[in-house]
Protein backbone atom coordinates (compact mmCIF):
# COMPACT_ATOMS: atom_id res chain seq x y z
CA UNK A 1 73.63 128.05 93.82
CA UNK A 2 76.99 129.38 92.57
CA UNK A 3 80.00 127.05 92.78
CA UNK A 4 82.18 127.51 95.88
CA UNK A 5 85.32 125.96 97.35
CA UNK A 6 85.05 124.29 100.77
CA UNK A 7 88.26 123.83 102.75
CA UNK A 8 88.87 122.04 106.05
CA UNK A 9 90.45 123.58 108.11
CA UNK A 10 88.68 126.58 106.60
CA UNK A 11 91.09 129.53 106.72
CA UNK A 12 94.42 128.32 108.05
CA UNK A 13 96.32 125.06 108.61
CA UNK A 14 99.84 124.04 109.54
CA UNK A 15 102.06 123.26 106.56
CA UNK A 16 102.57 119.62 107.55
CA UNK A 17 98.82 119.03 108.08
CA UNK A 18 96.50 117.65 105.40
CA UNK A 19 94.03 120.09 103.83
CA UNK A 20 90.64 118.77 102.70
CA UNK A 21 89.48 120.38 99.45
CA UNK A 22 85.97 120.16 97.95
CA UNK A 23 83.90 122.12 95.43
CA UNK A 24 80.13 122.40 95.76
CA UNK A 25 77.41 123.89 93.56
CA UNK A 26 78.66 122.50 90.24
CA UNK A 27 76.38 120.99 87.61
CA UNK A 28 75.90 117.19 87.47
CA UNK A 29 79.11 115.60 86.08
CA UNK A 30 80.43 119.07 85.19
CA UNK A 31 84.05 119.08 83.98
CA UNK A 32 86.33 121.55 85.76
CA UNK A 33 90.03 122.34 86.19
CA UNK A 34 91.35 123.15 89.67
CA UNK A 35 94.50 125.24 90.02
CA UNK A 36 96.62 126.11 93.06
CA UNK A 37 99.16 128.95 93.17
CA UNK A 38 101.66 129.98 95.83
CA UNK A 39 104.37 132.64 95.81
CA UNK A 40 107.50 132.20 97.91
CA UNK A 41 109.07 135.11 99.76
CA UNK A 42 111.17 136.09 96.75
CA UNK A 43 107.99 136.38 94.66
CA UNK A 44 108.60 133.22 92.61
CA UNK A 45 105.40 131.48 91.54
CA UNK A 46 104.60 127.78 92.10
CA UNK A 47 101.54 126.24 90.43
CA UNK A 48 99.71 122.94 90.04
CA UNK A 49 96.49 122.03 88.24
CA UNK A 50 94.26 118.99 87.91
CA UNK A 51 91.24 118.01 85.85
CA UNK A 52 88.11 116.72 87.58
CA UNK A 53 84.52 115.77 86.91
CA UNK A 54 81.84 116.51 89.52
CA UNK A 55 79.51 113.79 90.78
CA UNK A 56 75.85 113.42 89.76
CA UNK A 57 74.97 115.76 92.65
CA UNK A 58 77.34 118.52 91.48
CA UNK A 59 79.73 117.83 94.38
CA UNK A 60 83.48 117.36 93.96
CA UNK A 61 85.43 116.03 96.96
CA UNK A 62 89.14 115.47 96.26
CA UNK A 63 89.25 112.76 98.96
CA UNK A 64 86.78 110.66 96.93
CA UNK A 65 87.15 111.81 93.35
CA UNK A 66 90.17 110.88 91.21
CA UNK A 67 91.88 113.49 89.04
CA UNK A 68 91.64 112.76 85.31
CA UNK A 69 94.71 112.59 83.05
CA UNK A 70 96.05 115.85 81.63
CA UNK A 71 96.95 117.85 84.73
CA UNK A 72 99.90 117.93 87.15
CA UNK A 73 98.82 114.50 88.48
CA UNK A 74 96.04 111.96 88.07
CA UNK A 75 94.26 109.46 90.29
CA UNK A 76 92.95 109.79 93.84
CA UNK A 77 95.30 112.39 95.37
CA UNK A 78 93.56 114.52 98.03
CA UNK A 79 96.79 116.56 98.57
CA UNK A 80 97.98 116.48 94.96
CA UNK A 81 97.29 120.18 94.42
CA UNK A 82 99.88 120.91 97.13
CA UNK A 83 102.61 118.33 96.60
CA UNK A 84 102.52 118.77 92.81
CA UNK A 85 103.23 122.54 92.98
CA UNK A 86 106.06 123.32 90.56
CA UNK A 87 108.17 126.47 90.21
CA UNK A 88 107.56 128.54 87.08
CA UNK A 89 111.28 129.43 87.23
CA UNK A 90 113.55 126.46 86.44
CA UNK A 91 115.75 124.93 89.17
CA UNK A 92 113.95 126.77 91.98
CA UNK A 93 113.26 125.07 95.31
CA UNK A 94 110.45 126.01 97.70
CA UNK A 95 111.91 127.05 101.06
CA UNK A 96 110.40 129.06 103.90
CA UNK A 97 112.59 131.84 105.24
CA UNK A 98 110.33 133.66 107.70
CA UNK A 99 108.45 131.03 109.71
CA UNK A 100 106.42 133.71 111.47
CA UNK A 101 104.38 134.42 108.32
CA UNK A 102 102.33 131.79 106.48
CA UNK A 103 102.41 130.89 102.80
CA UNK A 104 99.26 132.08 101.04
CA UNK A 105 97.69 129.39 98.87
CA UNK A 106 95.31 130.50 96.08
CA UNK A 107 92.76 127.99 94.79
CA UNK A 108 90.77 128.51 91.59
CA UNK A 109 88.11 126.48 89.76
CA UNK A 110 87.80 126.91 85.99
CA UNK A 111 85.18 125.64 83.54
CA UNK A 112 86.22 122.69 81.34
CA UNK A 113 89.42 120.82 80.55
CA UNK A 114 90.96 122.92 77.76
CA UNK A 115 94.65 123.77 77.35
CA UNK A 116 93.67 127.34 78.25
CA UNK A 117 91.46 127.68 81.35
CA UNK A 118 87.78 128.42 80.76
CA UNK A 119 85.81 130.99 82.77
CA UNK A 120 86.64 131.25 86.51
CA UNK A 121 83.83 129.62 88.53
CA UNK A 122 85.12 129.96 92.11
CA UNK A 123 88.21 130.94 94.09
CA UNK A 124 89.49 130.82 97.67
CA UNK A 125 92.57 131.65 99.71
CA UNK A 126 94.13 129.59 102.49
CA UNK A 127 97.05 130.22 104.84
CA UNK A 128 99.61 127.44 105.29
CA UNK A 129 101.30 128.34 108.59
CA UNK A 130 104.53 127.13 110.20
CA UNK A 131 104.16 128.15 113.85
CA UNK A 132 101.37 126.71 116.00
CA UNK A 133 99.84 129.21 118.44
CA UNK A 134 101.87 129.28 121.65
CA UNK A 135 105.15 127.99 120.16
CA UNK A 136 107.93 130.41 121.13
CA UNK A 137 110.67 131.42 118.71
CA UNK A 138 113.82 132.42 120.64
CA UNK A 139 116.87 133.77 118.73
CA UNK A 140 120.04 132.38 120.37
CA UNK A 141 123.31 134.36 120.33
CA UNK A 142 125.28 132.82 123.21
CA UNK A 143 129.03 132.48 122.93
CA UNK A 144 129.66 131.48 119.35
CA UNK A 145 126.23 129.88 118.86
CA UNK A 146 124.08 131.32 116.06
CA UNK A 147 120.74 129.58 116.25
CA UNK A 148 116.99 129.79 116.86
CA UNK A 149 115.29 127.77 119.60
CA UNK A 150 111.65 126.77 119.22
CA UNK A 151 109.84 125.89 122.46
CA UNK A 152 106.38 124.27 122.57
CA UNK A 153 103.60 125.84 124.66
CA UNK A 154 103.75 125.15 128.41
CA UNK A 155 106.54 125.11 130.96
CA UNK A 156 108.22 121.85 129.91
CA UNK A 157 110.68 120.32 130.23
CA UNK A 158 110.56 119.11 126.61
CA UNK A 159 112.65 116.56 124.72
CA UNK A 160 115.41 118.54 122.99
CA UNK A 161 116.69 118.23 119.41
CA UNK A 162 119.37 120.06 117.40
CA UNK A 163 118.43 120.42 113.72
CA UNK A 164 121.06 120.81 110.97
CA UNK A 165 120.58 121.46 107.26
CA UNK A 166 123.11 120.92 104.46
CA UNK A 167 125.43 122.85 102.16
CA UNK A 168 122.96 125.70 101.63
CA UNK A 169 124.28 127.38 104.79
CA UNK A 170 122.35 130.13 106.56
CA UNK A 171 119.76 129.39 109.25
CA UNK A 172 116.74 127.47 107.89
CA UNK A 173 114.10 127.31 110.62
CA UNK A 174 111.07 125.71 108.99
CA UNK A 175 111.75 122.05 109.83
CA UNK A 176 112.70 122.93 113.43
CA UNK A 177 109.56 124.96 114.06
CA UNK A 178 107.26 122.37 112.46
CA UNK A 179 108.83 119.75 114.77
CA UNK A 180 108.36 122.06 117.78
CA UNK A 181 104.62 122.13 116.95
CA UNK A 182 104.67 118.43 117.90
CA UNK A 183 106.06 118.91 121.41
CA UNK A 184 109.85 118.99 120.92
CA UNK A 185 112.21 121.84 121.87
CA UNK A 186 114.23 122.25 118.67
CA UNK A 187 117.38 124.30 118.09
CA UNK A 188 117.85 125.24 114.42
CA UNK A 189 121.64 125.66 114.30
CA UNK A 190 123.56 127.66 111.69
CA UNK A 191 127.11 126.48 111.02
CA UNK A 192 128.35 128.58 108.12
CA UNK A 193 127.41 131.44 105.78
CA UNK A 194 125.40 133.20 108.46
CA UNK A 195 126.14 136.45 110.37
CA UNK A 196 129.71 136.21 111.74
CA UNK A 197 130.14 132.47 111.07
CA UNK A 198 132.65 131.37 108.40
CA UNK A 199 131.54 132.28 104.88
CA UNK A 200 132.70 129.08 103.20
CA UNK A 201 132.82 125.34 103.83
CA UNK A 202 136.58 124.85 104.26
CA UNK A 203 136.84 123.49 107.79
CA UNK A 204 134.58 122.93 110.76
CA UNK A 205 135.45 122.69 114.44
CA UNK A 206 133.31 120.28 116.43
CA UNK A 207 133.81 122.50 119.51
CA UNK A 208 131.25 124.90 117.98
CA UNK A 209 128.65 122.11 117.84
CA UNK A 210 129.65 120.97 121.34
CA UNK A 211 128.79 124.46 122.59
CA UNK A 212 125.30 124.04 121.10
CA UNK A 213 124.88 120.60 122.70
CA UNK A 214 125.89 121.99 126.11
CA UNK A 215 123.52 124.94 125.66
CA UNK A 216 120.65 122.48 125.18
CA UNK A 217 121.72 120.16 128.03
CA UNK A 218 121.88 123.09 130.46
CA UNK A 219 118.59 124.69 129.37
CA UNK A 220 115.94 124.56 132.11
CA UNK A 221 113.18 123.69 129.63
CA UNK A 222 115.04 120.78 128.02
CA UNK A 223 114.32 117.33 129.41
CA UNK A 224 117.56 115.38 129.96
CA UNK A 225 119.63 113.41 130.35
CA UNK A 226 120.47 113.61 126.62
CA UNK A 227 119.25 115.27 123.44
CA UNK A 228 118.51 114.24 119.86
CA UNK A 229 120.17 115.26 116.60
CA UNK A 230 118.42 115.62 113.23
CA UNK A 231 120.48 116.24 110.10
CA UNK A 232 119.97 116.21 106.36
CA UNK A 233 122.72 115.84 103.73
CA UNK A 234 125.92 117.62 104.97
CA UNK A 235 124.07 118.32 108.23
CA UNK A 236 123.70 114.56 108.52
CA UNK A 237 127.41 113.74 108.49
CA UNK A 238 127.98 116.58 110.98
CA UNK A 239 125.39 114.88 113.23
CA UNK A 240 127.24 111.55 112.83
CA UNK A 241 130.46 113.30 113.93
CA UNK A 242 128.70 114.97 116.88
CA UNK A 243 127.22 111.63 117.99
CA UNK A 244 130.63 109.96 117.65
CA UNK A 245 132.68 112.46 119.67
CA UNK A 246 130.38 114.48 121.93
CA UNK A 247 128.70 113.55 125.21
CA UNK A 248 124.96 113.91 125.86
CA UNK A 249 123.56 112.58 122.55
CA UNK A 250 120.80 109.99 123.00
CA UNK A 251 119.27 109.66 119.52
CA UNK A 252 120.44 110.68 116.03
CA UNK A 253 118.10 110.77 113.02
CA UNK A 254 119.73 111.17 109.61
CA UNK A 255 118.02 112.07 106.32
CA UNK A 256 120.04 111.04 103.25
CA UNK A 257 123.28 111.48 105.18
CA UNK A 258 126.83 110.34 104.56
CA UNK A 259 128.82 108.36 107.14
CA UNK A 260 132.03 109.80 105.68
CA UNK A 261 133.06 113.40 106.30
CA UNK A 262 132.19 115.42 103.18
CA UNK A 263 133.28 118.74 101.72
CA UNK A 264 135.33 120.24 104.59
CA UNK A 265 138.06 119.26 107.05
CA UNK A 266 136.66 118.41 110.48
CA UNK A 267 138.65 119.20 113.64
CA UNK A 268 137.99 118.18 117.23
CA UNK A 269 140.70 118.72 119.87
CA UNK A 270 143.70 116.82 118.43
CA UNK A 271 141.61 114.81 115.93
CA UNK A 272 141.37 115.75 112.25
CA UNK A 273 139.10 113.97 109.78
CA UNK A 274 139.80 114.82 106.13
CA UNK A 275 136.93 115.17 103.65
CA UNK A 276 136.32 112.21 101.38
CA UNK A 277 137.91 112.58 97.94
CA UNK A 278 135.79 113.46 94.91
CA UNK A 279 136.30 113.50 91.15
CA UNK A 280 134.07 115.87 89.19
CA UNK A 281 135.04 114.03 85.99
CA UNK A 282 132.62 111.32 87.15
CA UNK A 283 129.71 113.78 86.73
CA UNK A 284 127.17 112.57 84.21
CA UNK A 285 125.03 115.06 82.26
CA UNK A 286 121.40 114.29 81.43
CA UNK A 287 119.79 115.00 78.05
CA UNK A 288 118.38 118.21 79.52
CA UNK A 289 121.88 119.36 80.53
CA UNK A 290 121.47 118.81 84.28
CA UNK A 291 124.44 117.34 86.17
CA UNK A 292 124.10 113.95 87.87
CA UNK A 293 126.74 113.81 90.63
CA UNK A 294 125.85 110.46 92.22
CA UNK A 295 129.24 108.91 91.31
CA UNK A 296 131.44 111.92 92.18
CA UNK A 297 132.45 110.92 95.74
CA UNK A 298 135.15 108.29 96.30
CA UNK A 299 134.42 105.07 98.17
CA UNK A 300 135.17 105.56 101.92
CA UNK A 301 136.03 101.85 102.22
CA UNK A 302 139.07 102.12 99.95
CA UNK A 303 142.58 103.54 100.22
CA UNK A 304 143.24 106.89 101.91
CA UNK A 305 139.50 107.71 101.83
CA UNK A 306 139.04 105.30 104.74
CA UNK A 307 140.34 108.15 106.94
CA UNK A 308 137.21 110.16 106.17
CA UNK A 309 134.87 107.40 107.47
CA UNK A 310 133.47 108.85 110.72
CA UNK A 311 134.06 106.49 113.70
CA UNK A 312 130.35 106.20 114.53
CA UNK A 313 131.08 103.07 116.59
CA UNK A 314 132.20 105.52 119.33
CA UNK A 315 128.64 106.87 119.57
CA UNK A 316 126.56 106.10 122.67
CA UNK A 317 123.22 106.77 120.95
CA UNK A 318 120.60 105.08 118.78
CA UNK A 319 120.54 105.84 115.05
CA UNK A 320 117.74 106.19 112.50
CA UNK A 321 118.67 106.39 108.81
CA UNK A 322 116.00 107.79 106.46
CA UNK A 323 117.01 106.84 102.90
CA UNK A 324 115.64 108.00 99.55
CA UNK A 325 116.51 105.15 97.20
CA UNK A 326 116.49 107.51 94.20
CA UNK A 327 118.82 110.05 95.85
CA UNK A 328 121.15 111.36 93.13
CA UNK A 329 123.24 113.60 95.40
CA UNK A 330 125.18 110.63 96.72
CA UNK A 331 124.69 106.97 97.63
CA UNK A 332 122.61 107.37 100.78
CA UNK A 333 121.54 103.74 100.98
CA UNK A 334 125.16 102.55 100.66
CA UNK A 335 126.19 104.95 103.46
CA UNK A 336 123.37 103.74 105.75
CA UNK A 337 124.21 100.08 105.14
CA UNK A 338 127.96 100.62 105.69
CA UNK A 339 127.23 102.63 108.87
CA UNK A 340 125.05 99.77 110.10
CA UNK A 341 127.74 97.17 109.35
CA UNK A 342 130.36 99.20 111.19
CA UNK A 343 128.15 99.67 114.28
CA UNK A 344 127.34 95.94 114.43
CA UNK A 345 130.97 94.93 113.84
CA UNK A 346 131.79 96.86 117.04
CA UNK A 347 128.99 95.20 119.02
CA UNK A 348 126.64 98.18 118.80
CA UNK A 349 122.89 98.01 118.30
CA UNK A 350 121.76 97.71 114.68
CA UNK A 351 120.36 101.10 113.59
CA UNK A 352 116.89 101.58 112.14
CA UNK A 353 117.07 102.06 108.37
CA UNK A 354 113.88 103.14 106.58
CA UNK A 355 114.20 103.08 102.78
CA UNK A 356 111.82 104.80 100.39
CA UNK A 357 111.76 103.70 96.74
CA UNK A 358 111.19 106.65 94.41
CA UNK A 359 112.27 109.27 96.97
CA UNK A 360 115.03 111.72 96.09
CA UNK A 361 117.56 113.71 98.12
CA UNK A 362 115.46 116.51 99.62
CA UNK A 363 113.16 114.58 101.95
CA UNK A 364 111.43 117.54 103.60
CA UNK A 365 108.49 117.81 106.02
CA UNK A 366 105.16 116.69 104.50
CA UNK A 367 103.65 118.42 101.47
CA UNK A 368 106.73 120.35 100.37
CA UNK A 369 106.78 119.88 96.60
CA UNK A 370 109.59 117.64 95.39
CA UNK A 371 112.62 119.52 94.08
CA UNK A 372 113.89 117.45 91.13
CA UNK A 373 116.86 119.72 90.34
CA UNK A 374 118.34 122.99 91.59
CA UNK A 375 121.62 124.89 91.93
CA UNK A 376 124.29 123.11 93.98
CA UNK A 377 126.41 125.63 95.85
CA UNK A 378 129.57 123.49 95.79
CA UNK A 379 129.22 122.36 92.16
CA UNK A 380 128.12 125.77 90.88
CA UNK A 381 125.49 124.49 88.47
CA UNK A 382 122.09 122.74 88.57
CA UNK A 383 122.20 119.13 89.69
CA UNK A 384 119.48 116.50 89.79
CA UNK A 385 118.33 115.41 93.25
CA UNK A 386 116.27 112.42 92.11
CA UNK A 387 112.80 111.34 93.12
CA UNK A 388 109.41 110.64 91.56
CA UNK A 389 106.86 113.22 92.80
CA UNK A 390 104.08 110.96 94.15
CA UNK A 391 106.44 108.42 95.78
CA UNK A 392 108.58 111.26 97.15
CA UNK A 393 105.55 112.98 98.69
CA UNK A 394 104.40 109.74 100.35
CA UNK A 395 107.93 109.23 101.69
CA UNK A 396 107.92 112.72 103.25
CA UNK A 397 104.65 112.03 105.08
CA UNK A 398 105.86 108.67 106.40
CA UNK A 399 109.41 109.82 107.26
CA UNK A 400 107.98 112.70 109.32
CA UNK A 401 106.06 110.16 111.42
CA UNK A 402 109.10 107.88 111.70
CA UNK A 403 111.33 110.73 112.90
CA UNK A 404 108.83 111.84 115.56
CA UNK A 405 108.24 108.26 116.74
CA UNK A 406 112.01 107.67 116.98
CA UNK A 407 112.57 110.79 119.09
CA UNK A 408 109.53 110.11 121.29
CA UNK A 409 110.79 106.60 121.99
CA UNK A 410 114.39 107.54 122.78
CA UNK A 411 114.01 111.00 124.34
CA UNK A 412 110.81 110.58 126.37
CA UNK A 413 110.65 106.81 126.82
CA UNK A 414 107.05 106.95 125.58
CA UNK A 415 106.11 105.47 122.21
CA UNK A 416 103.98 107.71 120.01
CA UNK A 417 101.37 106.26 117.67
CA UNK A 418 103.52 105.44 114.69
CA UNK A 419 101.81 104.34 111.48
CA UNK A 420 103.26 101.42 109.58
CA UNK A 421 106.26 101.94 107.35
CA UNK A 422 105.52 102.25 103.65
């Protein structure tokens, strides 16, 4: 019987779901190389490969068979061929722009373990989708709001979350829609560099974000009395500001966020919070010429920079800090700890802080390949984001569960089955 690839689910799976990969019909203990390929929407190619040896029965199941040294990874890694995908173009990050179309994953099995692949023995295609059947994608253009609302199947009401990304701008939807697949109504909110919103990151007015909060609170399919906020990087400190000043926030989850205002002046009514100071002379450059900006920001506990520390003790919500301990964008663990100290000093509940050793800055939904370095829009050159691929991938899987459990607990009052922390 000719070799063939067996996948489960067979033809299509959601991007944050595991994919079981096996090869059948090989010779006893036959040596093969498996390769995965995926093109993003700009046509850029991502690839990973691993070396394997079939069992005595000619079967190769990635859940039971460790990869041998010499490929993109080694050891028992059932999802390694997905999380180890690397761009063929340097400093390129995998993002999904159109969540209504899946990524197409190509899998190939080659004879042997040579530097150049041997003859092709088997191949298969698999769709990695972002929208579960029945999830509704609703573009929102109300007042000043520029956003997309994702609603789970059914009539609701559903726990509501506003999702904010960082300095990349635009309107990324992929995290919001993957979260909506799990029963949350999620508003992916643009805040600059999108349609008629400001082009640059000079100043932000919290009234814009307040409009989005009120939109969610008044929506007939959103379960009150409050909503959740989810923010990464610059989106994280915006969420801290929203939680501190706006009504109707019940739970705020932050991924590698700052507790000081970063990069732009923040206005709300008669309040102005200046951005924390920075000194680009503190940039270090690695041997490969990539900038390391971890020391660029000033300390928000010292001097005039104390004015940029967001008064999160005003918040009436619970906080979850997700921290990559190898984040090189800024000192995420320091920010989480200082935020926690400030909350407790004002008699507030101690926030949950979940730290992941070996995880970098871009903690994405599960199975996104780690981005070690890419262009930084504010710096204007490639910077390192930190992270070690295997540890980073495990952190993404666990953090995704932690975030859902946190929102289930605080927005629905029902605990979800949360696996143990790493």
